[in-house]
Amino acid sequence: MKAVLLSAALLLLAAAGRAAEAPNAAEMYRRAFAAMPQLTDAEQKILQAQPGGGGAAALSEKLAPALALYRQAANLPRCDWGIDLEKQDISFKSLLPHMGPLNQLANVAAWEAERVKQSDPTAFVALHTDALRSAAHAGEGWPLISGLFDAAIRQRSFDALGANLAALPPDLLAKLGAQLNALPPDADFRQAMLSEKAFGIDWFMRHLVAASRAQQAGAAVTNFAANLRMCAMAAGGPVGLKIGLEENGDNFWLGLGQRKHGIALISADIKRGEAILFKDGQAALVLLRERRIEPINVQLIRGELFRLLGDKDAQKIIDGVGTNSTRLVQQLMEASDILGAIADAGATPVKDPAAWGKAAAAQVTNQNVIAGLYFPIAGGARATMDSAHAKALMLQVAMEVMRDGPAAAARSRDPWGEGAPFACRPTAAGYELTSQLQRDGQSVTLRIPRR
């Protein structure tokens, strides 16, 4: 009897645990992706046009099941796509599979909102706030790419809401303000770059070590690291770091840039806890905190570069670095540090991110060709993310102007304006709010019609 009661109690506890766990929005999104119908060329044209012409109502009915599932998913707080970048062989530029369908359904939501905005302003607002919630769910995955999807979805909805603020009744306007305040944080360029460092270059270094281990499993280790042991480490002095090593019972200290017994210490980072040793074309990774030495197969590096990055980008690295294996490993470690420094610099607002990106690319590429691969798109990515954030702020200011008049704009603060407010300029149709942030050579602007 006691056993039966115990089993029943365990079952109840397990059921309670499952009930307590929040539903996973990713599963609902996948149902929405599956429900998305194939569209004819004519329907695609309707979806890309202003939704007021013939066929729009029929298309809306066809899209309704997928859109309903998408909106349910957007309102769930937990979204776990089940992606573990540590366990995947994935290119630095891979587009994760949920991104395209999620963006497509956000576009459908925006189209449907435009279709019903005059007949049902409440539905118009609800569709866009659901799209804004779904933007945060795009954020898991390859960080820079998912951040761009996040920003693109947000900007589309911010522009649409701004262009229609004047048509919203006061109670709906107040409700929209509360909903915007409750949105998850938007994409952050600094965090995206830190994640690129962690799941890009640092991940590649870890992958190389793991691949080297797998290749050597079951075979005799011929790398010189097999005869090495790390005994101690000392910081300070003209070289900054010394590692105490033991080789076949012989103890010696090796400073950064020094060579003894044919072994050279070519790179070290105390903060990261890693160092690189080379001898006769062979490499070894020293895990300083663990005092462990792992062999690195330098021939493997070239093969893995081409396999993971593709021929074009891998060849750029080989052309820039040359065939020197020592320099290739050094550049990988340096690239990680450069991305970290650029990410920290990204915390300070810049008025023209595209120009900042070009300057960073020119400087970084000369310094490190691997890190330089990130910067042809870094400036544009930062401009996209920052402009979405600027429009979110300006939309809040616009609602205050609708409520309190133009004087409300003077109380605002433009993060790119060195403490100045967003500029507010009357136009023939209403007014426009402008930030000192630049995108595509123009100031980021939100246009608001007059009531």
Protein backbone atom coordinates (compact mmCIF):
# COMPACT_ATOMS: atom_id res chain seq x y z
CA MET A 1 0.00 0.00 0.00
CA LYS A 2 2.83 2.39 0.92
CA ALA A 3 4.51 1.62 -2.41
CA VAL A 4 1.30 2.42 -4.29
CA LEU A 5 0.91 5.72 -2.43
CA LEU A 6 4.53 6.62 -3.08
CA SER A 7 4.17 5.87 -6.79
CA ALA A 8 1.01 7.98 -6.96
CA ALA A 9 2.76 10.85 -5.19
CA LEU A 10 5.67 10.71 -7.62
CA LEU A 11 3.31 10.74 -10.57
CA LEU A 12 1.50 13.77 -9.16
CA LEU A 13 4.78 15.58 -8.59
CA ALA A 14 5.89 14.83 -12.15
CA ALA A 15 2.56 16.08 -13.52
CA ALA A 16 2.81 19.22 -11.40
CA GLY A 17 6.32 19.83 -12.74
CA ARG A 18 5.12 19.52 -16.32
CA ALA A 19 2.22 21.86 -15.63
CA ALA A 20 4.51 24.40 -13.98
CA GLU A 21 6.85 24.50 -16.97
CA ALA A 22 5.78 27.26 -19.35
CA PRO A 23 4.78 26.17 -22.87
CA ASN A 24 7.54 26.49 -25.45
CA ALA A 25 6.72 29.09 -28.10
CA ALA A 26 9.11 27.39 -30.55
CA GLU A 27 6.78 24.39 -30.84
CA MET A 28 3.82 26.66 -31.59
CA TYR A 29 5.88 28.56 -34.15
CA ARG A 30 6.76 25.29 -35.89
CA ARG A 31 3.05 24.47 -36.12
CA ALA A 32 2.54 27.92 -37.65
CA PHE A 33 5.34 27.31 -40.17
CA ALA A 34 3.72 24.01 -41.16
CA ALA A 35 0.33 25.72 -41.53
CA MET A 36 1.71 28.42 -43.84
CA PRO A 37 0.14 27.72 -47.25
CA GLN A 38 1.88 27.69 -50.60
CA LEU A 39 1.01 30.96 -52.35
CA THR A 40 0.49 31.48 -56.06
CA ASP A 41 2.39 34.20 -57.91
CA ALA A 42 -0.76 36.33 -57.89
CA GLU A 43 -1.13 35.89 -54.11
CA GLN A 44 2.53 36.78 -53.59
CA LYS A 45 1.92 40.04 -55.46
CA ILE A 46 -1.09 40.82 -53.26
CA LEU A 47 0.99 40.13 -50.15
CA GLN A 48 3.72 42.48 -51.36
CA ALA A 49 1.29 45.27 -52.28
CA GLN A 50 -0.84 47.58 -50.18
CA PRO A 51 -3.65 45.26 -49.01
CA GLY A 52 -6.66 47.08 -50.34
CA GLY A 53 -7.22 45.61 -53.78
CA GLY A 54 -9.08 42.59 -55.04
CA GLY A 55 -8.23 39.22 -53.58
CA ALA A 56 -6.95 40.62 -50.26
CA ALA A 57 -9.89 39.29 -48.22
CA ALA A 58 -9.57 35.80 -49.75
CA LEU A 59 -5.82 35.78 -49.12
CA SER A 60 -6.39 36.89 -45.52
CA GLU A 61 -8.73 33.93 -44.98
CA LYS A 62 -6.16 31.56 -46.48
CA LEU A 63 -3.40 32.88 -44.18
CA ALA A 64 -5.58 32.98 -41.06
CA PRO A 65 -4.70 29.53 -39.56
CA ALA A 66 -0.93 30.10 -39.74
CA LEU A 67 -1.29 33.68 -38.50
CA ALA A 68 -3.40 32.59 -35.50
CA LEU A 69 -0.75 30.05 -34.42
CA TYR A 70 2.01 32.61 -34.91
CA ARG A 71 0.20 35.12 -32.67
CA GLN A 72 -0.35 32.50 -29.97
CA ALA A 73 3.37 31.72 -30.02
CA ALA A 74 4.33 35.40 -29.88
CA ASN A 75 2.42 35.78 -26.60
CA LEU A 76 4.21 32.90 -24.88
CA PRO A 77 7.08 34.08 -22.66
CA ARG A 78 9.41 31.11 -23.19
CA CYS A 79 10.93 30.31 -26.57
CA ASP A 80 13.58 27.60 -26.85
CA TRP A 81 14.51 26.58 -30.38
CA GLY A 82 16.70 23.76 -29.05
CA ILE A 83 19.86 25.09 -30.68
CA ASP A 84 23.20 24.20 -29.12
CA LEU A 85 25.91 25.93 -31.10
CA GLU A 86 28.60 24.12 -29.11
CA LYS A 87 27.45 20.79 -30.57
CA GLN A 88 26.90 21.82 -34.18
CA ASP A 89 29.18 22.07 -37.17
CA ILE A 90 27.89 25.42 -38.32
CA SER A 91 29.32 28.10 -40.56
CA PHE A 92 29.88 31.54 -39.07
CA LYS A 93 27.37 32.85 -41.62
CA SER A 94 24.72 30.16 -41.35
CA LEU A 95 21.11 31.27 -41.39
CA LEU A 96 19.30 29.25 -38.74
CA PRO A 97 16.18 27.49 -40.02
CA HIS A 98 13.53 29.30 -37.98
CA MET A 99 14.58 32.80 -39.08
CA GLY A 100 13.08 32.88 -42.58
CA PRO A 101 9.64 31.48 -41.68
CA LEU A 102 9.44 33.69 -38.57
CA ASN A 103 10.18 36.80 -40.60
CA GLN A 104 7.65 35.72 -43.23
CA LEU A 105 4.88 35.41 -40.64
CA ALA A 106 5.84 38.77 -39.10
CA ASN A 107 5.41 40.20 -42.59
CA VAL A 108 1.99 38.52 -42.87
CA ALA A 109 0.99 40.06 -39.52
CA ALA A 110 2.06 43.53 -40.74
CA TRP A 111 0.13 43.02 -44.01
CA GLU A 112 -3.02 41.93 -42.15
CA ALA A 113 -2.68 44.90 -39.78
CA GLU A 114 -2.56 47.26 -42.76
CA ARG A 115 -5.62 45.57 -44.24
CA VAL A 116 -7.80 46.06 -41.12
CA LYS A 117 -6.42 49.32 -39.74
CA GLN A 118 -9.41 51.46 -40.77
CA SER A 119 -12.12 48.98 -39.90
CA ASP A 120 -10.54 47.65 -36.70
CA PRO A 121 -7.81 49.83 -35.12
CA THR A 122 -7.70 47.56 -32.06
CA ALA A 123 -6.75 44.59 -34.25
CA PHE A 124 -4.21 46.79 -36.06
CA VAL A 125 -2.43 47.56 -32.77
CA ALA A 126 -2.67 43.95 -31.52
CA LEU A 127 -1.16 42.52 -34.71
CA HIS A 128 1.83 44.84 -34.51
CA THR A 129 2.44 44.31 -30.80
CA ASP A 130 2.34 40.54 -31.42
CA ALA A 131 4.92 40.99 -34.20
CA LEU A 132 7.10 43.02 -31.82
CA ARG A 133 6.94 40.24 -29.23
CA SER A 134 7.90 37.68 -31.86
CA ALA A 135 10.97 39.76 -32.73
CA ALA A 136 12.45 38.91 -29.34
CA HIS A 137 11.93 35.21 -30.12
CA ALA A 138 14.16 35.61 -33.18
CA GLY A 139 17.04 36.35 -30.85
CA GLU A 140 18.21 32.80 -30.18
CA GLY A 141 20.65 31.50 -32.73
CA TRP A 142 23.62 32.93 -34.56
CA PRO A 143 23.74 36.26 -32.66
CA LEU A 144 24.49 38.90 -35.31
CA ILE A 145 22.08 37.42 -37.85
CA SER A 146 19.26 36.94 -35.35
CA GLY A 147 19.79 40.50 -34.10
CA LEU A 148 19.29 41.80 -37.64
CA PHE A 149 16.01 39.86 -37.98
CA ASP A 150 14.90 41.20 -34.59
CA ALA A 151 15.65 44.79 -35.66
CA ALA A 152 14.00 44.43 -39.08
CA ILE A 153 10.72 43.14 -37.58
CA ARG A 154 10.69 45.91 -34.98
CA GLN A 155 11.38 48.73 -37.43
CA ARG A 156 8.58 47.61 -39.73
CA SER A 157 6.07 47.72 -36.89
CA PHE A 158 7.40 50.96 -35.35
CA ASP A 159 7.07 52.72 -38.72
CA ALA A 160 3.52 51.41 -39.22
CA LEU A 161 2.41 52.34 -35.70
CA GLY A 162 3.94 55.81 -35.99
CA ALA A 163 2.24 56.46 -39.32
CA ASN A 164 -1.16 55.60 -37.80
CA LEU A 165 -0.94 57.07 -34.28
CA ALA A 166 -3.27 59.95 -35.20
CA ALA A 167 -6.09 57.52 -36.05
CA LEU A 168 -6.00 55.74 -32.69
CA PRO A 169 -8.51 56.70 -29.97
CA PRO A 170 -7.01 57.91 -26.65
CA ASP A 171 -7.77 54.69 -24.73
CA LEU A 172 -6.10 52.55 -27.41
CA LEU A 173 -3.15 54.95 -27.49
CA ALA A 174 -2.69 54.53 -23.73
CA LYS A 175 -2.94 50.74 -24.06
CA LEU A 176 -0.30 50.77 -26.80
CA GLY A 177 2.06 52.76 -24.58
CA ALA A 178 1.75 50.19 -21.80
CA GLN A 179 2.33 47.32 -24.25
CA LEU A 180 5.44 48.95 -25.69
CA ASN A 181 6.86 49.42 -22.19
CA ALA A 182 6.35 45.71 -21.50
CA LEU A 183 8.23 44.50 -24.60
CA PRO A 184 11.42 42.46 -24.12
CA PRO A 185 14.71 44.34 -24.71
CA ASP A 186 15.60 44.86 -28.35
CA ALA A 187 18.68 43.57 -30.15
CA ASP A 188 21.94 44.93 -28.73
CA PHE A 189 24.99 45.26 -31.00
CA ARG A 190 27.52 44.96 -28.18
CA GLN A 191 25.99 41.72 -26.90
CA ALA A 192 25.75 40.38 -30.45
CA MET A 193 29.47 40.94 -30.99
CA LEU A 194 30.36 39.35 -27.64
CA SER A 195 28.28 36.34 -28.65
CA GLU A 196 30.02 36.22 -32.03
CA LYS A 197 33.30 36.05 -30.12
CA ALA A 198 32.05 33.27 -27.84
CA PHE A 199 30.28 31.20 -30.51
CA GLY A 200 32.49 32.17 -33.43
CA ILE A 201 36.22 32.37 -32.99
CA ASP A 202 36.41 30.95 -29.44
CA TRP A 203 34.10 28.13 -30.55
CA PHE A 204 36.37 27.44 -33.53
CA MET A 205 39.41 27.14 -31.25
CA ARG A 206 37.56 24.71 -28.99
CA HIS A 207 36.40 22.79 -32.07
CA LEU A 208 39.98 22.45 -33.30
CA VAL A 209 41.14 21.01 -29.99
CA ALA A 210 38.21 18.57 -29.93
CA ALA A 211 38.83 17.55 -33.55
CA SER A 212 42.52 17.01 -32.79
CA ARG A 213 41.62 14.76 -29.85
CA ALA A 214 39.19 12.74 -31.97
CA GLN A 215 41.77 12.32 -34.72
CA GLN A 216 44.38 11.11 -32.23
CA ALA A 217 42.05 8.76 -30.33
CA GLY A 218 43.36 5.22 -30.41
CA ALA A 219 46.65 6.22 -32.00
CA ALA A 220 50.03 7.06 -30.53
CA VAL A 221 50.40 10.80 -29.92
CA THR A 222 53.40 12.04 -31.89
CA ASN A 223 52.98 15.71 -30.97
CA PHE A 224 55.73 17.13 -28.75
CA ALA A 225 53.03 17.94 -26.16
CA ALA A 226 53.03 14.26 -25.17
CA ASN A 227 56.39 14.82 -23.44
CA LEU A 228 55.45 18.12 -21.77
CA ARG A 229 53.95 18.98 -18.42
CA MET A 230 53.12 22.44 -17.07
CA CYS A 231 54.52 22.94 -13.55
CA ALA A 232 53.98 26.64 -12.74
CA MET A 233 53.23 30.09 -14.12
CA ALA A 234 54.57 33.51 -13.19
CA ALA A 235 53.41 36.95 -14.33
CA GLY A 236 55.48 40.12 -14.49
CA GLY A 237 58.90 41.04 -15.80
CA PRO A 238 59.78 42.39 -19.25
CA VAL A 239 58.00 39.58 -21.13
CA GLY A 240 54.89 39.64 -18.92
CA LEU A 241 54.49 35.88 -18.50
CA LYS A 242 56.60 32.81 -17.80
CA ILE A 243 55.46 29.20 -17.87
CA GLY A 244 57.30 26.50 -15.97
CA LEU A 245 57.52 23.35 -18.08
CA GLU A 246 58.90 19.87 -17.61
CA GLU A 247 60.10 17.75 -20.54
CA ASN A 248 61.34 14.22 -19.84
CA GLY A 249 62.32 15.20 -16.28
CA ASP A 250 64.04 18.45 -17.33
CA ASN A 251 62.49 21.60 -15.79
CA PHE A 252 62.77 25.01 -17.46
CA TRP A 253 60.99 28.38 -17.66
CA LEU A 254 59.73 29.74 -20.96
CA GLY A 255 58.88 33.41 -21.38
CA LEU A 256 56.60 34.96 -24.01
CA GLY A 257 58.56 35.13 -27.25
CA GLN A 258 61.35 32.87 -25.95
CA ARG A 259 62.50 29.47 -27.23
CA LYS A 260 64.13 26.65 -25.27
CA HIS A 261 64.67 23.02 -26.24
CA GLY A 262 63.21 24.05 -29.61
CA ILE A 263 59.89 25.02 -27.96
CA ALA A 264 58.59 28.58 -28.49
CA LEU A 265 55.89 30.33 -26.45
CA ILE A 266 54.26 32.37 -29.23
CA SER A 267 51.01 33.56 -27.68
CA ALA A 268 49.49 33.77 -24.20
CA ASP A 269 46.43 35.28 -22.56
CA ILE A 270 46.23 35.07 -18.75
CA LYS A 271 42.65 36.39 -18.72
CA ARG A 272 41.45 33.69 -21.10
CA GLY A 273 43.78 31.14 -19.53
CA GLU A 274 45.34 29.89 -22.76
CA ALA A 275 48.75 29.87 -24.40
CA ILE A 276 50.17 28.45 -27.63
CA LEU A 277 53.46 26.54 -27.92
CA PHE A 278 55.20 25.62 -31.18
CA LYS A 279 58.02 23.24 -32.05
CA ASP A 280 59.12 22.04 -35.48
CA GLY A 281 55.79 22.93 -37.12
CA GLN A 282 53.74 21.30 -34.36
CA ALA A 283 51.42 23.22 -32.00
CA ALA A 284 50.07 22.72 -28.50
CA LEU A 285 47.43 24.55 -26.50
CA VAL A 286 48.29 25.20 -22.83
CA LEU A 287 45.28 25.49 -20.50
CA LEU A 288 46.94 27.69 -17.90
CA ARG A 289 44.40 27.33 -15.09
CA GLU A 290 44.23 23.56 -15.42
CA ARG A 291 47.97 23.23 -16.06
CA ARG A 292 47.18 20.88 -18.90
CA ILE A 293 48.70 20.76 -22.38
CA GLU A 294 46.68 19.61 -25.40
CA PRO A 295 48.19 18.93 -28.84
CA ILE A 296 46.79 20.89 -31.79
CA ASN A 297 47.01 19.42 -35.27
CA VAL A 298 48.00 22.45 -37.36
CA GLN A 299 47.26 20.65 -40.64
CA LEU A 300 43.74 20.14 -39.31
CA ILE A 301 43.29 23.91 -38.98
CA ARG A 302 43.47 24.51 -42.73
CA GLY A 303 41.04 21.70 -43.49
CA GLU A 304 38.58 22.84 -40.84
CA LEU A 305 38.74 26.44 -42.06
CA PHE A 306 37.60 25.38 -45.52
CA ARG A 307 35.01 22.94 -44.20
CA LEU A 308 33.38 25.34 -41.75
CA LEU A 309 33.77 28.71 -43.49
CA GLY A 310 33.50 27.70 -47.13
CA ASP A 311 36.10 28.18 -49.84
CA LYS A 312 35.74 31.96 -50.26
CA ASP A 313 36.21 33.08 -46.66
CA ALA A 314 38.74 30.37 -45.83
CA GLN A 315 40.85 31.40 -48.83
CA LYS A 316 40.74 35.02 -47.62
CA ILE A 317 42.26 33.88 -44.34
CA ILE A 318 44.92 31.73 -46.03
CA ASP A 319 45.79 34.56 -48.45
CA GLY A 320 46.04 37.07 -45.60
CA VAL A 321 47.90 34.90 -43.12
CA GLY A 322 49.96 32.76 -45.47
CA THR A 323 50.98 29.17 -44.90
CA ASN A 324 52.73 29.83 -41.59
CA SER A 325 50.87 27.66 -39.08
CA THR A 326 52.26 29.61 -36.13
CA ARG A 327 50.85 32.86 -37.47
CA LEU A 328 47.49 31.23 -38.24
CA VAL A 329 47.02 30.09 -34.64
CA GLN A 330 48.20 33.47 -33.34
CA GLN A 331 45.67 35.24 -35.54
CA LEU A 332 42.85 33.07 -34.25
CA MET A 333 43.64 34.00 -30.66
CA GLU A 334 44.14 37.68 -31.52
CA ALA A 335 40.84 37.76 -33.41
CA SER A 336 39.00 36.72 -30.26
CA ASP A 337 40.55 39.62 -28.33
CA ILE A 338 39.79 42.09 -31.13
CA LEU A 339 36.12 41.13 -31.26
CA GLY A 340 35.92 41.56 -27.49
CA ALA A 341 37.47 45.04 -27.71
CA ILE A 342 35.17 46.06 -30.58
CA ALA A 343 32.18 44.81 -28.60
CA ASP A 344 33.19 47.00 -25.65
CA ALA A 345 33.55 49.97 -28.00
CA GLY A 346 30.03 49.21 -29.23
CA ALA A 347 28.63 50.26 -25.85
CA THR A 348 29.37 53.91 -26.70
CA PRO A 349 26.86 55.45 -29.15
CA VAL A 350 28.23 56.54 -32.53
CA LYS A 351 26.27 58.85 -34.82
CA ASP A 352 27.28 57.12 -38.05
CA PRO A 353 27.66 53.35 -37.49
CA ALA A 354 28.35 52.67 -41.18
CA ALA A 355 31.35 55.01 -41.18
CA TRP A 356 32.44 53.52 -37.85
CA GLY A 357 32.25 50.04 -39.38
CA LYS A 358 34.36 51.04 -42.41
CA ALA A 359 37.00 52.59 -40.18
CA ALA A 360 37.02 49.52 -37.92
CA ALA A 361 37.27 47.21 -40.95
CA ALA A 362 40.25 49.11 -42.36
CA GLN A 363 42.05 49.05 -39.03
CA VAL A 364 41.16 45.51 -38.03
CA THR A 365 41.84 43.89 -41.41
CA ASN A 366 45.37 45.29 -41.41
CA GLN A 367 45.82 43.98 -37.88
CA ASN A 368 44.05 40.62 -38.17
CA VAL A 369 42.49 39.20 -41.33
CA ILE A 370 40.26 36.76 -39.40
CA ALA A 371 38.65 39.47 -37.28
CA GLY A 372 38.39 41.59 -40.42
CA LEU A 373 35.90 39.12 -41.90
CA TYR A 374 33.29 40.39 -39.43
CA PHE A 375 33.47 44.07 -40.34
CA PRO A 376 32.22 44.40 -43.92
CA ILE A 377 28.74 43.99 -42.37
CA ALA A 378 29.39 45.17 -38.81
CA GLY A 379 28.71 48.86 -39.46
CA GLY A 380 25.49 48.16 -41.33
CA ALA A 381 24.38 45.70 -38.65
CA ARG A 382 24.99 48.24 -35.92
CA ALA A 383 23.10 50.91 -37.90
CA THR A 384 20.12 48.54 -38.31
CA MET A 385 19.99 47.60 -34.63
CA ASP A 386 20.55 51.16 -33.39
CA SER A 387 17.93 52.63 -35.72
CA ALA A 388 15.33 50.14 -34.46
CA HIS A 389 16.14 51.25 -30.90
CA ALA A 390 15.94 54.92 -31.92
CA LYS A 391 12.50 54.40 -33.48
CA ALA A 392 11.27 52.63 -30.36
CA LEU A 393 12.27 55.65 -28.28
CA MET A 394 10.81 58.12 -30.78
CA LEU A 395 7.50 56.25 -30.90
CA GLN A 396 7.17 56.70 -27.13
CA VAL A 397 7.98 60.42 -27.54
CA ALA A 398 5.41 60.68 -30.35
CA MET A 399 2.70 59.31 -28.07
CA GLU A 400 3.64 61.87 -25.42
CA VAL A 401 3.41 64.61 -28.06
CA MET A 402 -0.03 63.32 -29.05
CA ARG A 403 -1.09 63.57 -25.40
CA ASP A 404 0.75 66.71 -24.18
CA GLY A 405 1.61 68.67 -27.33
CA PRO A 406 4.95 69.50 -29.04
CA ALA A 407 6.55 70.65 -25.77
CA ALA A 408 6.83 66.96 -24.81
CA ALA A 409 9.50 66.47 -27.47
CA ALA A 410 11.77 68.96 -25.70
CA ARG A 411 11.80 66.68 -22.65
CA SER A 412 13.13 63.73 -24.66
CA ARG A 413 16.76 62.64 -24.85
CA ASP A 414 18.41 61.41 -28.03
CA PRO A 415 21.14 58.87 -27.04
CA TRP A 416 23.05 59.85 -30.19
CA GLY A 417 22.56 63.59 -29.60
CA GLU A 418 24.96 64.12 -26.69
CA GLY A 419 22.13 64.97 -24.30
CA ALA A 420 20.02 66.94 -26.78
CA PRO A 421 16.36 66.03 -27.38
CA PHE A 422 15.03 64.41 -30.53
CA ALA A 423 14.40 67.14 -33.09
CA CYS A 424 10.68 67.78 -33.70
CA ARG A 425 9.79 69.48 -37.00
CA PRO A 426 6.29 70.31 -38.29
CA THR A 427 5.43 69.03 -41.78
CA ALA A 428 2.47 69.52 -44.10
CA ALA A 429 1.01 66.18 -42.99
CA GLY A 430 1.89 66.44 -39.28
CA TYR A 431 5.42 66.38 -37.87
CA GLU A 432 8.54 64.26 -37.76
CA LEU A 433 10.92 63.28 -34.97
CA THR A 434 14.58 63.00 -35.93
CA SER A 435 17.61 61.51 -34.20
CA GLN A 436 21.22 62.47 -34.81
CA LEU A 437 21.82 58.78 -35.57
CA GLN A 438 22.63 58.24 -39.26
CA ARG A 439 21.58 55.30 -41.40
CA ASP A 440 22.20 55.05 -45.15
CA GLY A 441 23.48 58.63 -45.12
CA GLN A 442 20.29 60.05 -43.60
CA SER A 443 19.10 60.90 -40.10
CA VAL A 444 16.81 58.25 -38.59
CA THR A 445 13.32 59.75 -38.64
CA LEU A 446 9.83 58.79 -37.49
CA ARG A 447 6.97 60.52 -39.29
CA ILE A 448 3.73 61.18 -37.40
CA PRO A 449 0.53 62.47 -39.06
CA ARG A 450 -1.59 65.23 -37.55
CA ARG A 451 -4.87 64.24 -35.95
